């Protein structure tokens, strides 16, 4: 199944160097579990700084 997750209130870029925490941690766990079960998972996130890349592999 193709799954799209929207996370408008927690940018993945904000703490990209550290482990996911809070909402990011929950979304990461859900996405990972779905992917492990064979689903095609896309996460749609916000980007607070336009100089950051438009896409990122997680």
PDB file of N, CA and C in Angstrom:
ATOM      1  N   UNK A   1       0.842  -1.161   0.000  1.00  0.00           N
ATOM      2  CA  UNK A   1       0.000   0.000   0.000  1.00  0.00           C
ATOM      3  C   UNK A   1       0.898   1.238   0.000  1.00  0.00           C
ATOM      4  N   UNK A   2       0.458   2.294  -0.662  1.00  0.00           N
ATOM      5  CA  UNK A   2       1.176   3.570  -0.621  1.00  0.00           C
ATOM      6  C   UNK A   2       0.573   4.418   0.498  1.00  0.00           C
ATOM      7  N   UNK A   3       1.416   4.869   1.411  1.00  0.00           N
ATOM      8  CA  UNK A   3       0.966   5.607   2.590  1.00  0.00           C
ATOM      9  C   UNK A   3       1.635   6.972   2.616  1.00  0.00           C
ATOM     10  N   UNK A   4       0.848   8.015   2.826  1.00  0.00           N
ATOM     11  CA  UNK A   4       1.385   9.364   2.999  1.00  0.00           C
ATOM     12  C   UNK A   4       1.114   9.830   4.418  1.00  0.00           C
ATOM     13  N   UNK A   5       2.147  10.249   5.119  1.00  0.00           N
ATOM     14  CA  UNK A   5       2.009  10.789   6.472  1.00  0.00           C
ATOM     15  C   UNK A   5       2.317  12.279   6.422  1.00  0.00           C
ATOM     16  N   UNK A   6       1.457  13.078   7.031  1.00  0.00           N
ATOM     17  CA  UNK A   6       1.651  14.527   7.070  1.00  0.00           C
ATOM     18  C   UNK A   6       1.984  14.928   8.495  1.00  0.00           C
ATOM     19  N   UNK A   7       3.083  15.646   8.646  1.00  0.00           N
ATOM     20  CA  UNK A   7       3.519  16.100   9.966  1.00  0.00           C
ATOM     21  C   UNK A   7       3.804  17.600   9.877  1.00  0.00           C
ATOM     22  N   UNK A   8       2.767  18.396   9.997  1.00  0.00           N
ATOM     23  CA  UNK A   8       2.887  19.839   9.798  1.00  0.00           C
ATOM     24  C   UNK A   8       3.434  20.577  11.017  1.00  0.00           C
ATOM     25  N   UNK A   9       3.432  19.954  12.179  1.00  0.00           N
ATOM     26  CA  UNK A   9       3.823  20.659  13.399  1.00  0.00           C
ATOM     27  C   UNK A   9       5.186  20.276  13.941  1.00  0.00           C
ATOM     28  N   UNK A  10       5.914  19.416  13.252  1.00  0.00           N
ATOM     29  CA  UNK A  10       7.231  18.995  13.738  1.00  0.00           C
ATOM     30  C   UNK A  10       8.155  18.762  12.556  1.00  0.00           C
ATOM     31  N   UNK A  11       9.012  19.704  12.295  1.00  0.00           N
ATOM     32  CA  UNK A  11       9.929  19.590  11.165  1.00  0.00           C
ATOM     33  C   UNK A  11      11.025  18.571  11.444  1.00  0.00           C
ATOM     34  N   UNK A  12      11.271  17.680  10.481  1.00  0.00           N
ATOM     35  CA  UNK A  12      12.351  16.698  10.611  1.00  0.00           C
ATOM     36  C   UNK A  12      13.711  17.360  10.537  1.00  0.00           C
ATOM     37  N   UNK A  13      13.774  18.532   9.935  1.00  0.00           N
ATOM     38  CA  UNK A  13      15.044  19.240   9.790  1.00  0.00           C
ATOM     39  C   UNK A  13      15.493  19.896  11.088  1.00  0.00           C
ATOM     40  N   UNK A  14      14.569  20.208  11.950  1.00  0.00           N
ATOM     41  CA  UNK A  14      14.877  20.977  13.151  1.00  0.00           C
ATOM     42  C   UNK A  14      15.993  20.341  13.979  1.00  0.00           C
ATOM     43  N   UNK A  15      15.976  19.028  14.149  1.00  0.00           N
ATOM     44  CA  UNK A  15      17.002  18.320  14.919  1.00  0.00           C
ATOM     45  C   UNK A  15      17.522  17.144  14.101  1.00  0.00           C
ATOM     46  N   UNK A  16      17.841  17.394  12.841  1.00  0.00           N
ATOM     47  CA  UNK A  16      18.217  16.303  11.933  1.00  0.00           C
ATOM     48  C   UNK A  16      19.457  15.550  12.414  1.00  0.00           C
ATOM     49  N   UNK A  17      20.324  16.199  13.189  1.00  0.00           N
ATOM     50  CA  UNK A  17      21.544  15.541  13.650  1.00  0.00           C
ATOM     51  C   UNK A  17      21.327  14.673  14.886  1.00  0.00           C
ATOM     52  N   UNK A  18      20.230  14.892  15.587  1.00  0.00           N
ATOM     53  CA  UNK A  18      19.978  14.134  16.808  1.00  0.00           C
ATOM     54  C   UNK A  18      18.879  13.110  16.614  1.00  0.00           C
ATOM     55  N   UNK A  19      18.625  12.323  17.644  1.00  0.00           N
ATOM     56  CA  UNK A  19      17.563  11.320  17.550  1.00  0.00           C
ATOM     57  C   UNK A  19      16.189  11.988  17.533  1.00  0.00           C
ATOM     58  N   UNK A  20      15.197  11.349  16.912  1.00  0.00           N
ATOM     59  CA  UNK A  20      13.862  11.934  16.919  1.00  0.00           C
ATOM     60  C   UNK A  20      13.292  11.973  18.333  1.00  0.00           C
ATOM     61  N   UNK A  21      12.588  13.036  18.653  1.00  0.00           N
ATOM     62  CA  UNK A  21      11.959  13.172  19.968  1.00  0.00           C
ATOM     63  C   UNK A  21      10.516  13.635  19.783  1.00  0.00           C
ATOM     64  N   UNK A  22       9.667  13.357  20.761  1.00  0.00           N
ATOM     65  CA  UNK A  22       8.287  13.821  20.743  1.00  0.00           C
ATOM     66  C   UNK A  22       7.515  13.359  19.516  1.00  0.00           C
ATOM     67  N   UNK A  23       6.864  14.311  18.850  1.00  0.00           N
ATOM     68  CA  UNK A  23       6.066  14.004  17.665  1.00  0.00           C
ATOM     69  C   UNK A  23       6.922  13.371  16.586  1.00  0.00           C
ATOM     70  N   UNK A  24       8.141  13.870  16.396  1.00  0.00           N
ATOM     71  CA  UNK A  24       9.042  13.295  15.386  1.00  0.00           C
ATOM     72  C   UNK A  24       9.305  11.825  15.679  1.00  0.00           C
ATOM     73  N   UNK A  25       9.480  11.487  16.942  1.00  0.00           N
ATOM     74  CA  UNK A  25       9.741  10.098  17.324  1.00  0.00           C
ATOM     75  C   UNK A  25       8.533   9.218  16.992  1.00  0.00           C
ATOM     76  N   UNK A  26       7.353   9.693  17.295  1.00  0.00           N
ATOM     77  CA  UNK A  26       6.137   8.927  17.020  1.00  0.00           C
ATOM     78  C   UNK A  26       5.965   8.708  15.519  1.00  0.00           C
ATOM     79  N   UNK A  27       6.100   9.769  14.730  1.00  0.00           N
ATOM     80  CA  UNK A  27       5.954   9.660  13.276  1.00  0.00           C
ATOM     81  C   UNK A  27       7.023   8.726  12.707  1.00  0.00           C
ATOM     82  N   UNK A  28       8.252   8.827  13.207  1.00  0.00           N
ATOM     83  CA  UNK A  28       9.333   7.962  12.724  1.00  0.00           C
ATOM     84  C   UNK A  28       9.027   6.494  13.012  1.00  0.00           C
ATOM     85  N   UNK A  29       8.491   6.205  14.183  1.00  0.00           N
ATOM     86  CA  UNK A  29       8.148   4.817  14.533  1.00  0.00           C
ATOM     87  C   UNK A  29       7.027   4.278  13.648  1.00  0.00           C
ATOM     88  N   UNK A  30       5.998   5.096  13.434  1.00  0.00           N
ATOM     89  CA  UNK A  30       4.883   4.672  12.581  1.00  0.00           C
ATOM     90  C   UNK A  30       5.381   4.416  11.162  1.00  0.00           C
ATOM     91  N   UNK A  31       6.166   5.355  10.621  1.00  0.00           N
ATOM     92  CA  UNK A  31       6.693   5.206   9.263  1.00  0.00           C
ATOM     93  C   UNK A  31       7.573   3.962   9.150  1.00  0.00           C
ATOM     94  N   UNK A  32       8.445   3.738  10.125  1.00  0.00           N
ATOM     95  CA  UNK A  32       9.342   2.582  10.096  1.00  0.00           C
ATOM     96  C   UNK A  32       8.561   1.274  10.162  1.00  0.00           C
ATOM     97  N   UNK A  33       7.570   1.214  11.014  1.00  0.00           N
ATOM     98  CA  UNK A  33       6.769  -0.010  11.143  1.00  0.00           C
ATOM     99  C   UNK A  33       6.012  -0.304   9.853  1.00  0.00           C
ATOM    100  N   UNK A  34       5.428   0.719   9.255  1.00  0.00           N
ATOM    101  CA  UNK A  34       4.712   0.518   7.992  1.00  0.00           C
ATOM    102  C   UNK A  34       5.664   0.064   6.888  1.00  0.00           C
ATOM    103  N   UNK A  35       6.846   0.685   6.829  1.00  0.00           N
ATOM    104  CA  UNK A  35       7.836   0.312   5.810  1.00  0.00           C
ATOM    105  C   UNK A  35       8.303  -1.132   6.016  1.00  0.00           C
ATOM    106  N   UNK A  36       8.505  -1.536   7.268  1.00  0.00           N
ATOM    107  CA  UNK A  36       8.921  -2.913   7.562  1.00  0.00           C
ATOM    108  C   UNK A  36       7.874  -3.924   7.112  1.00  0.00           C
ATOM    109  N   UNK A  37       6.626  -3.495   7.092  1.00  0.00           N
ATOM    110  CA  UNK A  37       5.539  -4.377   6.651  1.00  0.00           C
ATOM    111  C   UNK A  37       5.347  -4.342   5.138  1.00  0.00           C
ATOM    112  N   UNK A  38       6.249  -3.645   4.444  1.00  0.00           N
ATOM    113  CA  UNK A  38       6.239  -3.656   2.987  1.00  0.00           C
ATOM    114  C   UNK A  38       5.511  -2.505   2.319  1.00  0.00           C
ATOM    115  N   UNK A  39       5.080  -1.517   3.090  1.00  0.00           N
ATOM    116  CA  UNK A  39       4.363  -0.385   2.506  1.00  0.00           C
ATOM    117  C   UNK A  39       5.341   0.665   1.974  1.00  0.00           C
ATOM    118  N   UNK A  40       4.913   1.392   0.955  1.00  0.00           N
ATOM    119  CA  UNK A  40       5.673   2.519   0.406  1.00  0.00           C
ATOM    120  C   UNK A  40       5.248   3.755   1.194  1.00  0.00           C
ATOM    121  N   UNK A  41       6.122   4.266   2.052  1.00  0.00           N
ATOM    122  CA  UNK A  41       5.764   5.345   2.972  1.00  0.00           C
ATOM    123  C   UNK A  41       6.447   6.643   2.559  1.00  0.00           C
ATOM    124  N   UNK A  42       5.667   7.706   2.473  1.00  0.00           N
ATOM    125  CA  UNK A  42       6.183   9.060   2.213  1.00  0.00           C
ATOM    126  C   UNK A  42       5.766   9.948   3.378  1.00  0.00           C
ATOM    127  N   UNK A  43       6.702  10.734   3.851  1.00  0.00           N
ATOM    128  CA  UNK A  43       6.427  11.670   4.942  1.00  0.00           C
ATOM    129  C   UNK A  43       6.456  13.077   4.379  1.00  0.00           C
ATOM    130  N   UNK A  44       5.369  13.789   4.550  1.00  0.00           N
ATOM    131  CA  UNK A  44       5.274  15.176   4.102  1.00  0.00           C
ATOM    132  C   UNK A  44       5.414  16.062   5.329  1.00  0.00           C
ATOM    133  N   UNK A  45       6.429  16.880   5.294  1.00  0.00           N
ATOM    134  CA  UNK A  45       6.875  17.627   6.460  1.00  0.00           C
ATOM    135  C   UNK A  45       7.005  19.097   6.084  1.00  0.00           C
ATOM    136  N   UNK A  46       7.165  19.947   7.054  1.00  0.00           N
ATOM    137  CA  UNK A  46       7.413  21.352   6.747  1.00  0.00           C
ATOM    138  C   UNK A  46       8.913  21.620   6.768  1.00  0.00           C
ATOM    139  N   UNK A  47       9.271  22.698   6.127  1.00  0.00           N
ATOM    140  CA  UNK A  47      10.683  23.104   6.068  1.00  0.00           C
ATOM    141  C   UNK A  47      10.729  24.556   6.527  1.00  0.00           C
ATOM    142  N   UNK A  48      11.333  24.817   7.672  1.00  0.00           N
ATOM    143  CA  UNK A  48      11.358  26.162   8.245  1.00  0.00           C
ATOM    144  C   UNK A  48      12.358  27.088   7.571  1.00  0.00           C
ATOM    145  N   UNK A  49      13.363  26.535   6.932  1.00  0.00           N
ATOM    146  CA  UNK A  49      14.431  27.332   6.323  1.00  0.00           C
ATOM    147  C   UNK A  49      14.540  26.964   4.844  1.00  0.00           C
ATOM    148  N   UNK A  50      14.275  27.911   3.910  1.00  0.00           N
ATOM    149  CA  UNK A  50      14.313  27.589   2.485  1.00  0.00           C
ATOM    150  C   UNK A  50      15.684  27.151   1.983  1.00  0.00           C
ATOM    151  N   UNK A  51      16.746  27.377   2.745  1.00  0.00           N
ATOM    152  CA  UNK A  51      18.075  26.950   2.308  1.00  0.00           C
ATOM    153  C   UNK A  51      18.295  25.444   2.525  1.00  0.00           C
ATOM    154  N   UNK A  52      17.413  24.798   3.284  1.00  0.00           N
ATOM    155  CA  UNK A  52      17.514  23.356   3.511  1.00  0.00           C
ATOM    156  C   UNK A  52      17.027  22.601   2.278  1.00  0.00           C
ATOM    157  N   UNK A  53      17.474  21.358   2.088  1.00  0.00           N
ATOM    158  CA  UNK A  53      17.051  20.600   0.909  1.00  0.00           C
ATOM    159  C   UNK A  53      15.542  20.348   0.902  1.00  0.00           C
ATOM    160  N   UNK A  54      14.972  20.241  -0.305  1.00  0.00           N
ATOM    161  CA  UNK A  54      13.531  20.014  -0.449  1.00  0.00           C
ATOM    162  C   UNK A  54      13.141  18.593  -0.059  1.00  0.00           C
ATOM    163  N   UNK A  55      14.057  17.646  -0.195  1.00  0.00           N
ATOM    164  CA  UNK A  55      13.769  16.259   0.179  1.00  0.00           C
ATOM    165  C   UNK A  55      14.908  15.709   1.024  1.00  0.00           C
ATOM    166  N   UNK A  56      14.591  14.652   1.753  1.00  0.00           N
ATOM    167  CA  UNK A  56      15.602  14.022   2.596  1.00  0.00           C
ATOM    168  C   UNK A  56      15.202  12.575   2.819  1.00  0.00           C
ATOM    169  N   UNK A  57      16.148  11.669   2.749  1.00  0.00           N
ATOM    170  CA  UNK A  57      15.888  10.258   3.035  1.00  0.00           C
ATOM    171  C   UNK A  57      16.011  10.019   4.527  1.00  0.00           C
ATOM    172  N   UNK A  58      15.070   9.265   5.063  1.00  0.00           N
ATOM    173  CA  UNK A  58      15.064   8.985   6.497  1.00  0.00           C
ATOM    174  C   UNK A  58      15.306   7.508   6.716  1.00  0.00           C
TER     175      UNK A  58
END
